[in-house]
C-alpha atoms as a PDB file:
ATOM      1  CA  MET A   1       1.156   2.989  10.794  1.00  0.00           C
ATOM      2  CA  LYS A   2       0.635   1.771   7.243  1.00  0.00           C
ATOM      3  CA  ILE A   3      -1.258  -1.484   6.906  1.00  0.00           C
ATOM      4  CA  LEU A   4      -2.492  -3.757   4.126  1.00  0.00           C
ATOM      5  CA  ILE A   5      -5.830  -5.423   4.883  1.00  0.00           C
ATOM      6  CA  ILE A   6      -6.831  -8.466   2.835  1.00  0.00           C
ATOM      7  CA  TYR A   7     -10.570  -8.544   3.430  1.00  0.00           C
ATOM      8  CA  ASN A   8     -12.924 -11.439   2.720  1.00  0.00           C
ATOM      9  CA  PRO A   9     -16.380  -9.909   2.095  1.00  0.00           C
ATOM     10  CA  GLN A  10     -17.968 -13.368   1.983  1.00  0.00           C
ATOM     11  CA  ALA A  11     -16.831 -14.247   5.506  1.00  0.00           C
ATOM     12  CA  GLY A  12     -19.524 -14.923   8.051  1.00  0.00           C
ATOM     13  CA  SER A  13     -21.892 -16.096   5.293  1.00  0.00           C
ATOM     14  CA  GLY A  14     -21.607 -12.665   3.668  1.00  0.00           C
ATOM     15  CA  ARG A  15     -22.034 -10.608   6.838  1.00  0.00           C
ATOM     16  CA  ALA A  16     -18.515  -9.230   6.418  1.00  0.00           C
ATOM     17  CA  LEU A  17     -19.587  -7.271   3.350  1.00  0.00           C
ATOM     18  CA  GLY A  18     -22.108  -5.262   5.366  1.00  0.00           C
ATOM     19  CA  LEU A  19     -19.515  -4.705   8.073  1.00  0.00           C
ATOM     20  CA  LEU A  20     -16.866  -3.291   5.731  1.00  0.00           C
ATOM     21  CA  PRO A  21     -17.928   0.410   5.909  1.00  0.00           C
ATOM     22  CA  GLN A  22     -17.748   0.276   9.719  1.00  0.00           C
ATOM     23  CA  VAL A  23     -14.326  -1.364   9.597  1.00  0.00           C
ATOM     24  CA  ILE A  24     -13.036   1.331   7.240  1.00  0.00           C
ATOM     25  CA  GLU A  25     -14.413   4.077   9.474  1.00  0.00           C
ATOM     26  CA  TYR A  26     -12.950   2.628  12.673  1.00  0.00           C
ATOM     27  CA  VAL A  27      -9.543   1.990  11.080  1.00  0.00           C
ATOM     28  CA  LYS A  28      -9.413   5.695  10.159  1.00  0.00           C
ATOM     29  CA  GLU A  29     -10.561   6.642  13.661  1.00  0.00           C
ATOM     30  CA  LYS A  30      -7.571   4.745  15.096  1.00  0.00           C
ATOM     31  CA  GLY A  31      -5.224   6.726  12.841  1.00  0.00           C
ATOM     32  CA  LEU A  32      -4.221   3.784  10.664  1.00  0.00           C
ATOM     33  CA  ASP A  33      -3.273   4.321   7.019  1.00  0.00           C
ATOM     34  CA  ALA A  34      -4.992   1.314   5.466  1.00  0.00           C
ATOM     35  CA  THR A  35      -5.022  -0.158   1.987  1.00  0.00           C
ATOM     36  CA  ILE A  36      -7.930  -2.600   1.774  1.00  0.00           C
ATOM     37  CA  ILE A  37      -8.188  -5.257  -0.922  1.00  0.00           C
ATOM     38  CA  CYS A  38     -11.241  -7.531  -1.033  1.00  0.00           C
ATOM     39  CA  THR A  39     -10.945 -11.169  -2.053  1.00  0.00           C
ATOM     40  CA  GLU A  40     -13.096 -12.325  -4.938  1.00  0.00           C
ATOM     41  CA  TYR A  41     -12.791 -16.112  -4.870  1.00  0.00           C
ATOM     42  CA  SER A  42     -11.365 -19.023  -2.911  1.00  0.00           C
ATOM     43  CA  GLY A  43      -7.567 -18.870  -2.878  1.00  0.00           C
ATOM     44  CA  HIS A  44      -7.492 -15.182  -3.831  1.00  0.00           C
ATOM     45  CA  ALA A  45      -6.026 -14.149  -0.458  1.00  0.00           C
ATOM     46  CA  ILE A  46      -3.031 -16.403  -1.139  1.00  0.00           C
ATOM     47  CA  GLU A  47      -2.388 -14.617  -4.432  1.00  0.00           C
ATOM     48  CA  LEU A  48      -2.867 -11.156  -2.930  1.00  0.00           C
ATOM     49  CA  ALA A  49      -0.490 -11.791  -0.032  1.00  0.00           C
ATOM     50  CA  ALA A  50       2.085 -13.455  -2.296  1.00  0.00           C
ATOM     51  CA  GLN A  51       2.107 -10.593  -4.809  1.00  0.00           C
ATOM     52  CA  ALA A  52       1.888  -7.657  -2.376  1.00  0.00           C
ATOM     53  CA  LYS A  53       4.804  -5.287  -1.886  1.00  0.00           C
ATOM     54  CA  LEU A  54       4.984  -6.155   1.785  1.00  0.00           C
ATOM     55  CA  GLY A  55       8.044  -4.003   2.354  1.00  0.00           C
ATOM     56  CA  ASP A  56       5.832  -0.942   1.861  1.00  0.00           C
ATOM     57  CA  PHE A  57       3.665  -1.796   4.890  1.00  0.00           C
ATOM     58  CA  ASP A  58       4.063  -1.988   8.661  1.00  0.00           C
ATOM     59  CA  ALA A  59       1.608  -4.880   8.918  1.00  0.00           C
ATOM     60  CA  LEU A  60      -0.338  -7.360   6.813  1.00  0.00           C
ATOM     61  CA  ILE A  61      -3.872  -7.896   8.133  1.00  0.00           C
ATOM     62  CA  ALA A  62      -6.128 -10.882   7.461  1.00  0.00           C
ATOM     63  CA  SER A  63      -9.809 -10.075   7.876  1.00  0.00           C
ATOM     64  CA  GLY A  64     -12.244 -12.958   7.651  1.00  0.00           C
ATOM     65  CA  GLY A  65     -12.422 -16.364   9.293  1.00  0.00           C
ATOM     66  CA  ASP A  66      -9.725 -18.943   9.982  1.00  0.00           C
ATOM     67  CA  GLY A  67      -9.699 -19.857   6.288  1.00  0.00           C
ATOM     68  CA  THR A  68      -8.801 -16.289   5.327  1.00  0.00           C
ATOM     69  CA  LEU A  69      -5.954 -16.266   7.843  1.00  0.00           C
ATOM     70  CA  PHE A  70      -4.752 -19.602   6.432  1.00  0.00           C
ATOM     71  CA  GLU A  71      -4.684 -18.182   2.910  1.00  0.00           C
ATOM     72  CA  VAL A  72      -2.952 -14.964   3.951  1.00  0.00           C
ATOM     73  CA  LEU A  73      -0.337 -16.945   5.883  1.00  0.00           C
ATOM     74  CA  ASN A  74       0.409 -19.173   2.897  1.00  0.00           C
ATOM     75  CA  GLY A  75       0.659 -16.175   0.574  1.00  0.00           C
ATOM     76  CA  TYR A  76       2.935 -14.518   3.126  1.00  0.00           C
ATOM     77  CA  TYR A  77       5.344 -17.464   2.910  1.00  0.00           C
ATOM     78  CA  GLN A  78       5.238 -17.385  -0.893  1.00  0.00           C
ATOM     79  CA  ASN A  79       6.065 -13.680  -0.923  1.00  0.00           C
ATOM     80  CA  THR A  80       9.707 -13.031  -1.836  1.00  0.00           C
ATOM     81  CA  CYS A  81      10.030  -9.795   0.153  1.00  0.00           C
ATOM     82  CA  SER A  82      13.111  -9.914   2.388  1.00  0.00           C
ATOM     83  CA  ASN A  83      11.692  -7.628   5.070  1.00  0.00           C
ATOM     84  CA  LYS A  84       8.194  -8.878   5.803  1.00  0.00           C
ATOM     85  CA  PRO A  85       6.019  -7.066   8.358  1.00  0.00           C
ATOM     86  CA  PRO A  86       4.041  -8.758  11.152  1.00  0.00           C
ATOM     87  CA  ILE A  87       0.586 -10.226  10.550  1.00  0.00           C
ATOM     88  CA  GLY A  88      -2.554  -8.910  12.244  1.00  0.00           C
ATOM     89  CA  LEU A  89      -6.107 -10.216  12.475  1.00  0.00           C
ATOM     90  CA  ILE A  90      -9.592  -8.736  12.230  1.00  0.00           C
ATOM     91  CA  PRO A  91     -12.245 -11.437  12.826  1.00  0.00           C
ATOM     92  CA  ASN A  92     -15.514 -11.444  10.932  1.00  0.00           C
ATOM     93  CA  GLY A  93     -15.956 -15.077   9.848  1.00  0.00           C
ATOM     94  CA  THR A  94     -18.219 -17.939  10.841  1.00  0.00           C
ATOM     95  CA  GLY A  95     -15.389 -19.634  12.694  1.00  0.00           C
ATOM     96  CA  ASN A  96     -12.552 -17.673  14.256  1.00  0.00           C
ATOM     97  CA  ALA A  97     -10.876 -20.232  16.469  1.00  0.00           C
ATOM     98  CA  PHE A  98      -7.469 -18.566  16.445  1.00  0.00           C
ATOM     99  CA  MET A  99      -8.913 -15.307  17.801  1.00  0.00           C
ATOM    100  CA  LYS A 100      -9.377 -17.155  21.096  1.00  0.00           C
ATOM    101  CA  GLU A 101      -5.608 -16.900  21.541  1.00  0.00           C
ATOM    102  CA  LEU A 102      -6.076 -13.119  21.634  1.00  0.00           C
ATOM    103  CA  ASN A 103      -8.998 -13.432  24.068  1.00  0.00           C
ATOM    104  CA  LEU A 104     -11.308 -12.156  21.352  1.00  0.00           C
ATOM    105  CA  LEU A 105     -14.731 -13.220  20.149  1.00  0.00           C
ATOM    106  CA  LYS A 106     -15.553 -13.279  16.449  1.00  0.00           C
ATOM    107  CA  THR A 107     -17.640 -10.138  17.010  1.00  0.00           C
ATOM    108  CA  ASP A 108     -14.708  -8.254  18.585  1.00  0.00           C
ATOM    109  CA  TRP A 109     -13.479  -6.672  15.367  1.00  0.00           C
ATOM    110  CA  LYS A 110     -13.094  -3.278  17.063  1.00  0.00           C
ATOM    111  CA  LYS A 111     -10.942  -4.754  19.825  1.00  0.00           C
ATOM    112  CA  ALA A 112      -8.869  -6.479  17.137  1.00  0.00           C
ATOM    113  CA  ILE A 113      -8.249  -3.144  15.411  1.00  0.00           C
ATOM    114  CA  ASP A 114      -7.315  -1.661  18.793  1.00  0.00           C
ATOM    115  CA  ILE A 115      -4.672  -4.389  19.153  1.00  0.00           C
ATOM    116  CA  ILE A 116      -3.344  -3.687  15.649  1.00  0.00           C
ATOM    117  CA  SER A 117      -3.017   0.029  16.397  1.00  0.00           C
ATOM    118  CA  LEU A 118      -0.782  -0.719  19.410  1.00  0.00           C
ATOM    119  CA  ASN A 119       1.770  -2.359  17.068  1.00  0.00           C
ATOM    120  CA  HIS A 120       2.905  -4.847  19.727  1.00  0.00           C
ATOM    121  CA  LYS A 121       4.614  -7.831  18.118  1.00  0.00           C
ATOM    122  CA  ARG A 122       4.866 -11.419  19.331  1.00  0.00           C
ATOM    123  CA  PRO A 123       6.822 -14.184  17.566  1.00  0.00           C
ATOM    124  CA  VAL A 124       4.733 -17.355  17.274  1.00  0.00           C
ATOM    125  CA  ASP A 125       5.162 -20.887  15.976  1.00  0.00           C
ATOM    126  CA  VAL A 126       3.872 -21.957  12.583  1.00  0.00           C
ATOM    127  CA  GLY A 127       3.063 -25.466  11.423  1.00  0.00           C
ATOM    128  CA  LYS A 128       4.501 -26.488   8.046  1.00  0.00           C
ATOM    129  CA  PHE A 129       3.185 -29.552   6.256  1.00  0.00           C
ATOM    130  CA  ILE A 130       3.808 -31.378   3.014  1.00  0.00           C
ATOM    131  CA  SER A 131       0.973 -33.222   1.288  1.00  0.00           C
ATOM    132  CA  GLU A 132       0.683 -34.383  -2.315  1.00  0.00           C
ATOM    133  CA  ASP A 133       4.141 -32.859  -2.966  1.00  0.00           C
ATOM    134  CA  LYS A 134       2.873 -29.396  -1.993  1.00  0.00           C
ATOM    135  CA  THR A 135       3.935 -27.318   1.003  1.00  0.00           C
ATOM    136  CA  TYR A 136       1.442 -25.477   3.203  1.00  0.00           C
ATOM    137  CA  TYR A 137       1.555 -23.524   6.458  1.00  0.00           C
ATOM    138  CA  PHE A 138      -0.963 -23.372   9.285  1.00  0.00           C
ATOM    139  CA  ILE A 139      -1.164 -21.403  12.492  1.00  0.00           C
ATOM    140  CA  ASN A 140      -4.104 -23.119  14.157  1.00  0.00           C
ATOM    141  CA  ILE A 141      -4.597 -26.834  13.489  1.00  0.00           C
ATOM    142  CA  VAL A 142      -4.620 -29.571  10.873  1.00  0.00           C
ATOM    143  CA  GLY A 143      -6.895 -32.585  11.238  1.00  0.00           C
ATOM    144  CA  MET A 144      -7.532 -35.861   9.448  1.00  0.00           C
ATOM    145  CA  GLY A 145      -9.809 -38.880   9.685  1.00  0.00           C
ATOM    146  CA  PHE A 146     -13.357 -38.656  11.007  1.00  0.00           C
ATOM    147  CA  ILE A 147     -12.906 -34.981  11.858  1.00  0.00           C
ATOM    148  CA  THR A 148     -12.463 -34.144   8.166  1.00  0.00           C
ATOM    149  CA  LYS A 149     -15.690 -35.900   7.239  1.00  0.00           C
ATOM    150  CA  ILE A 150     -17.472 -33.756   9.816  1.00  0.00           C
ATOM    151  CA  ALA A 151     -15.882 -30.629   8.367  1.00  0.00           C
ATOM    152  CA  GLU A 152     -16.934 -31.527   4.834  1.00  0.00           C
ATOM    153  CA  LEU A 153     -20.534 -32.039   5.896  1.00  0.00           C
ATOM    154  CA  SER A 154     -20.560 -28.825   7.934  1.00  0.00           C
ATOM    155  CA  VAL A 155     -19.705 -26.634   4.904  1.00  0.00           C
ATOM    156  CA  PRO A 156     -23.292 -26.427   3.555  1.00  0.00           C
ATOM    157  CA  LEU A 157     -24.477 -25.980   7.147  1.00  0.00           C
ATOM    158  CA  LYS A 158     -22.369 -22.879   7.855  1.00  0.00           C
ATOM    159  CA  TRP A 159     -25.521 -20.774   8.019  1.00  0.00           C
ATOM    160  CA  MET A 160     -26.115 -22.499  11.365  1.00  0.00           C
ATOM    161  CA  GLY A 161     -22.941 -20.970  12.824  1.00  0.00           C
ATOM    162  CA  ASN A 162     -21.042 -23.036  15.395  1.00  0.00           C
ATOM    163  CA  THR A 163     -23.981 -25.462  15.637  1.00  0.00           C
ATOM    164  CA  ALA A 164     -23.037 -26.756  12.181  1.00  0.00           C
ATOM    165  CA  TYR A 165     -20.175 -28.841  13.607  1.00  0.00           C
ATOM    166  CA  THR A 166     -22.430 -30.427  16.208  1.00  0.00           C
ATOM    167  CA  VAL A 167     -25.114 -31.308  13.667  1.00  0.00           C
ATOM    168  CA  ALA A 168     -22.526 -32.685  11.231  1.00  0.00           C
ATOM    169  CA  THR A 169     -21.052 -34.881  13.971  1.00  0.00           C
ATOM    170  CA  LEU A 170     -24.432 -36.384  14.798  1.00  0.00           C
ATOM    171  CA  LEU A 171     -25.186 -37.037  11.134  1.00  0.00           C
ATOM    172  CA  LYS A 172     -21.821 -38.732  10.547  1.00  0.00           C
ATOM    173  CA  LEU A 173     -21.955 -41.034  13.566  1.00  0.00           C
ATOM    174  CA  THR A 174     -23.552 -43.857  11.584  1.00  0.00           C
ATOM    175  CA  SER A 175     -20.440 -44.091   9.381  1.00  0.00           C
ATOM    176  CA  LEU A 176     -17.975 -44.073  12.305  1.00  0.00           C
ATOM    177  CA  LYS A 177     -15.099 -46.491  11.626  1.00  0.00           C
ATOM    178  CA  SER A 178     -11.578 -46.824  12.926  1.00  0.00           C
ATOM    179  CA  GLN A 179      -8.597 -47.608  10.742  1.00  0.00           C
ATOM    180  CA  LYS A 180      -4.906 -48.375  11.017  1.00  0.00           C
ATOM    181  CA  ILE A 181      -2.861 -45.200  11.410  1.00  0.00           C
ATOM    182  CA  ILE A 182       0.938 -45.082  11.487  1.00  0.00           C
ATOM    183  CA  ILE A 183       2.331 -42.021  13.273  1.00  0.00           C
ATOM    184  CA  GLU A 184       5.977 -41.002  13.564  1.00  0.00           C
ATOM    185  CA  LEU A 185       6.662 -38.538  16.382  1.00  0.00           C
ATOM    186  CA  ASP A 186      10.187 -37.109  16.435  1.00  0.00           C
ATOM    187  CA  GLY A 187      11.517 -40.395  15.075  1.00  0.00           C
ATOM    188  CA  GLU A 188       9.418 -42.751  17.238  1.00  0.00           C
ATOM    189  CA  ILE A 189       6.844 -44.789  15.298  1.00  0.00           C
ATOM    190  CA  ILE A 190       3.520 -45.867  16.782  1.00  0.00           C
ATOM    191  CA  GLU A 191       0.604 -47.730  15.204  1.00  0.00           C
ATOM    192  CA  ARG A 192      -2.988 -47.130  16.240  1.00  0.00           C
ATOM    193  CA  ASP A 193      -6.511 -48.263  15.396  1.00  0.00           C
ATOM    194  CA  GLY A 194      -7.712 -44.691  15.265  1.00  0.00           C
ATOM    195  CA  ILE A 195     -10.700 -42.490  14.499  1.00  0.00           C
ATOM    196  CA  PHE A 196      -8.926 -39.173  13.918  1.00  0.00           C
ATOM    197  CA  VAL A 197      -5.714 -37.253  14.524  1.00  0.00           C
ATOM    198  CA  GLU A 198      -5.481 -33.522  15.175  1.00  0.00           C
ATOM    199  CA  VAL A 199      -2.160 -31.670  15.141  1.00  0.00           C
ATOM    200  CA  ALA A 200      -2.584 -28.357  16.932  1.00  0.00           C
ATOM    201  CA  ASN A 201      -0.475 -25.246  17.236  1.00  0.00           C
ATOM    202  CA  SER A 202      -3.111 -23.363  19.233  1.00  0.00           C
ATOM    203  CA  THR A 203      -5.814 -24.435  21.645  1.00  0.00           C
ATOM    204  CA  PHE A 204      -9.196 -24.060  19.900  1.00  0.00           C
ATOM    205  CA  THR A 205     -10.790 -25.360  16.728  1.00  0.00           C
ATOM    206  CA  GLY A 206     -14.221 -24.636  15.304  1.00  0.00           C
ATOM    207  CA  THR A 207     -14.281 -21.568  17.596  1.00  0.00           C
ATOM    208  CA  THR A 208     -15.681 -23.426  20.621  1.00  0.00           C
ATOM    209  CA  PHE A 209     -13.845 -26.784  20.721  1.00  0.00           C
ATOM    210  CA  TYR A 210     -11.031 -26.673  23.299  1.00  0.00           C
ATOM    211  CA  ILE A 211      -9.228 -29.431  21.443  1.00  0.00           C
ATOM    212  CA  ALA A 212      -5.643 -28.841  22.640  1.00  0.00           C
ATOM    213  CA  PRO A 213      -5.809 -27.298  26.132  1.00  0.00           C
ATOM    214  CA  GLU A 214      -2.068 -27.691  26.727  1.00  0.00           C
ATOM    215  CA  ALA A 215      -0.976 -26.062  23.461  1.00  0.00           C
ATOM    216  CA  GLU A 216       1.287 -23.018  23.616  1.00  0.00           C
ATOM    217  CA  ILE A 217       1.655 -20.837  20.565  1.00  0.00           C
ATOM    218  CA  ASP A 218       5.409 -20.253  20.952  1.00  0.00           C
ATOM    219  CA  ASP A 219       6.875 -23.327  22.685  1.00  0.00           C
ATOM    220  CA  GLY A 220       8.369 -24.957  19.583  1.00  0.00           C
ATOM    221  CA  TYR A 221       6.048 -27.983  19.775  1.00  0.00           C
ATOM    222  CA  LEU A 222       2.851 -29.118  18.095  1.00  0.00           C
ATOM    223  CA  ASP A 223       0.224 -30.937  20.159  1.00  0.00           C
ATOM    224  CA  VAL A 224      -0.940 -34.251  18.688  1.00  0.00           C
ATOM    225  CA  ILE A 225      -4.378 -35.471  19.735  1.00  0.00           C
ATOM    226  CA  ILE A 226      -5.248 -39.048  18.759  1.00  0.00           C
ATOM    227  CA  LEU A 227      -8.714 -40.531  19.181  1.00  0.00           C
ATOM    228  CA  ASN A 228      -8.436 -44.310  19.194  1.00  0.00           C
ATOM    229  CA  LYS A 229     -11.234 -46.795  18.478  1.00  0.00           C
ATOM    230  CA  ILE A 230     -14.391 -45.853  20.347  1.00  0.00           C
ATOM    231  CA  SER A 231     -18.091 -46.742  20.352  1.00  0.00           C
ATOM    232  CA  ARG A 232     -20.668 -44.360  18.938  1.00  0.00           C
ATOM    233  CA  LEU A 233     -22.242 -43.891  22.363  1.00  0.00           C
ATOM    234  CA  LYS A 234     -18.899 -43.149  24.017  1.00  0.00           C
ATOM    235  CA  LEU A 235     -18.019 -40.716  21.230  1.00  0.00           C
ATOM    236  CA  LEU A 236     -21.219 -38.794  21.903  1.00  0.00           C
ATOM    237  CA  LYS A 237     -20.277 -38.531  25.571  1.00  0.00           C
ATOM    238  CA  LEU A 238     -16.711 -37.568  24.642  1.00  0.00           C
ATOM    239  CA  PHE A 239     -17.991 -34.885  22.283  1.00  0.00           C
ATOM    240  CA  THR A 240     -19.496 -32.927  25.169  1.00  0.00           C
ATOM    241  CA  THR A 241     -16.137 -32.778  26.970  1.00  0.00           C
ATOM    242  CA  ILE A 242     -14.287 -31.103  24.072  1.00  0.00           C
ATOM    243  CA  TYR A 243     -15.861 -27.777  25.052  1.00  0.00           C
ATOM    244  CA  ASP A 244     -13.893 -27.662  28.323  1.00  0.00           C
ATOM    245  CA  GLY A 245     -10.826 -29.693  27.339  1.00  0.00           C
ATOM    246  CA  THR A 246     -11.462 -32.597  29.717  1.00  0.00           C
ATOM    247  CA  HIS A 247     -11.597 -35.028  26.774  1.00  0.00           C
ATOM    248  CA  ILE A 248      -7.812 -35.403  26.976  1.00  0.00           C
ATOM    249  CA  HIS A 249      -8.225 -37.385  30.211  1.00  0.00           C
ATOM    250  CA  GLU A 250     -10.365 -40.076  28.564  1.00  0.00           C
ATOM    251  CA  PRO A 251      -8.648 -43.451  27.932  1.00  0.00           C
ATOM    252  CA  GLU A 252      -9.407 -43.367  24.190  1.00  0.00           C
ATOM    253  CA  ILE A 253      -7.480 -40.099  23.792  1.00  0.00           C
ATOM    254  CA  GLU A 254      -3.704 -39.785  23.492  1.00  0.00           C
ATOM    255  CA  TYR A 255      -2.110 -36.365  23.819  1.00  0.00           C
ATOM    256  CA  ILE A 256       1.525 -36.017  22.730  1.00  0.00           C
ATOM    257  CA  LYS A 257       3.833 -33.084  21.994  1.00  0.00           C
ATOM    258  CA  ALA A 258       6.263 -33.305  19.074  1.00  0.00           C
ATOM    259  CA  LYS A 259       8.302 -31.140  16.723  1.00  0.00           C
ATOM    260  CA  LYS A 260       8.172 -33.352  13.636  1.00  0.00           C
ATOM    261  CA  ILE A 261       5.280 -35.652  12.740  1.00  0.00           C
ATOM    262  CA  LYS A 262       4.524 -38.059   9.907  1.00  0.00           C
ATOM    263  CA  ILE A 263       1.083 -39.626   9.551  1.00  0.00           C
ATOM    264  CA  THR A 264      -0.076 -42.384   7.201  1.00  0.00           C
ATOM    265  CA  GLU A 265      -3.651 -43.680   7.116  1.00  0.00           C
ATOM    266  CA  GLU A 266      -4.622 -47.164   5.921  1.00  0.00           C
ATOM    267  CA  LYS A 267      -7.179 -45.464   3.683  1.00  0.00           C
ATOM    268  CA  PRO A 268      -5.747 -42.065   2.681  1.00  0.00           C
ATOM    269  CA  GLY A 269      -8.170 -39.253   3.403  1.00  0.00           C
ATOM    270  CA  LYS A 270      -8.456 -35.507   3.082  1.00  0.00           C
ATOM    271  CA  LEU A 271      -6.951 -32.974   5.476  1.00  0.00           C
ATOM    272  CA  ILE A 272      -8.511 -29.952   7.146  1.00  0.00           C
ATOM    273  CA  PRO A 273      -5.928 -27.271   7.959  1.00  0.00           C
ATOM    274  CA  ASP A 274      -7.374 -24.172   9.657  1.00  0.00           C
ATOM    275  CA  GLY A 275     -10.877 -24.883   8.390  1.00  0.00           C
ATOM    276  CA  GLU A 276      -9.873 -25.480   4.761  1.00  0.00           C
ATOM    277  CA  ILE A 277     -10.302 -28.897   3.130  1.00  0.00           C
ATOM    278  CA  LEU A 278      -7.271 -29.701   0.981  1.00  0.00           C
ATOM    279  CA  GLY A 279      -4.465 -32.180   0.578  1.00  0.00           C
ATOM    280  CA  SER A 280      -4.537 -35.757   1.842  1.00  0.00           C
ATOM    281  CA  THR A 281      -2.571 -38.255   3.888  1.00  0.00           C
ATOM    282  CA  PRO A 282       0.215 -39.247   4.058  1.00  0.00           C
ATOM    283  CA  ILE A 283       1.411 -35.998   5.565  1.00  0.00           C
ATOM    284  CA  GLU A 284       4.674 -34.670   7.018  1.00  0.00           C
ATOM    285  CA  ILE A 285       4.437 -31.855   9.558  1.00  0.00           C
ATOM    286  CA  GLU A 286       6.978 -29.803  11.453  1.00  0.00           C
ATOM    287  CA  CYS A 287       6.906 -26.903  13.863  1.00  0.00           C
ATOM    288  CA  LEU A 288       8.697 -23.728  12.771  1.00  0.00           C
ATOM    289  CA  HIS A 289       9.629 -22.215  16.108  1.00  0.00           C
ATOM    290  CA  GLN A 290       8.603 -18.547  16.478  1.00  0.00           C
ATOM    291  CA  ASP A 291       8.803 -18.156  12.714  1.00  0.00           C
ATOM    292  CA  VAL A 292       6.255 -15.344  12.250  1.00  0.00           C
ATOM    293  CA  GLU A 293       5.495 -12.175  14.185  1.00  0.00           C
ATOM    294  CA  LEU A 294       1.856 -11.458  14.988  1.00  0.00           C
ATOM    295  CA  LEU A 295       0.370  -8.213  16.267  1.00  0.00           C
ATOM    296  CA  TRP A 296      -0.611  -9.153  19.801  1.00  0.00           C
ATOM    297  CA  ARG A 297      -2.177  -7.662  22.875  1.00  0.00           C
ATOM    298  CA  PRO A 298       0.498  -6.130  25.178  1.00  0.00           C
END
């Protein structure tokens, strides 16, 4: 099995670089013929995946965090090859929320390589969104509103691991404000005084937040989670329930499934797709049903 691995050595606050020799050794042990290319800067994985001769490989592997997977996916869609191989994952980043779908931890890089070696394919949904006249693709989640402010603040705190999101949330509470949000869901328009909106293709975000417990990766729908106006104290209480998914039963939360979504904020803000901060509202999103094959556990 011939594979192309796009490897982010800076993932996991640089820990991935030290792990690389072990990854190479184990890939050989599993009998995989691997070409490994390391990324050198932000956005490099997009270029590498877009320019690769994908027809020469049996699989394209993203190795890093959720941001690396996001870049590889977007490069994959830019690639003009007519016979693209499936995508595989080797986690070694700070946040690897999507690996939860494979029942893997971010330290389970060996188990991830085991899955790749089995060459079992599963077609999954992909989210496509348009922002600032540019088209992007995501496989995990895209968020906006207060959640993006938390993400921005958590970037310099990544050395704290998953705790960074919690600390950033506490620090941002003082600036908590709702705003008018107009959301179109499969043609039906609703208006809300909202805090944030998350549009999820899979269940987890930030590795440990069970944000969309009813999401299914291949059902043809995206799960829309809306947090309406809420007090700071209630938000703190709500925050603790995101770890087990019970937040969706709170009255301030709306949980809706849709195939096509348009979102406009009163005060346009940045987006956070799969851990990357880019683009801004307004945004148009649609679900591409089972549009990509992933290497999956049997």
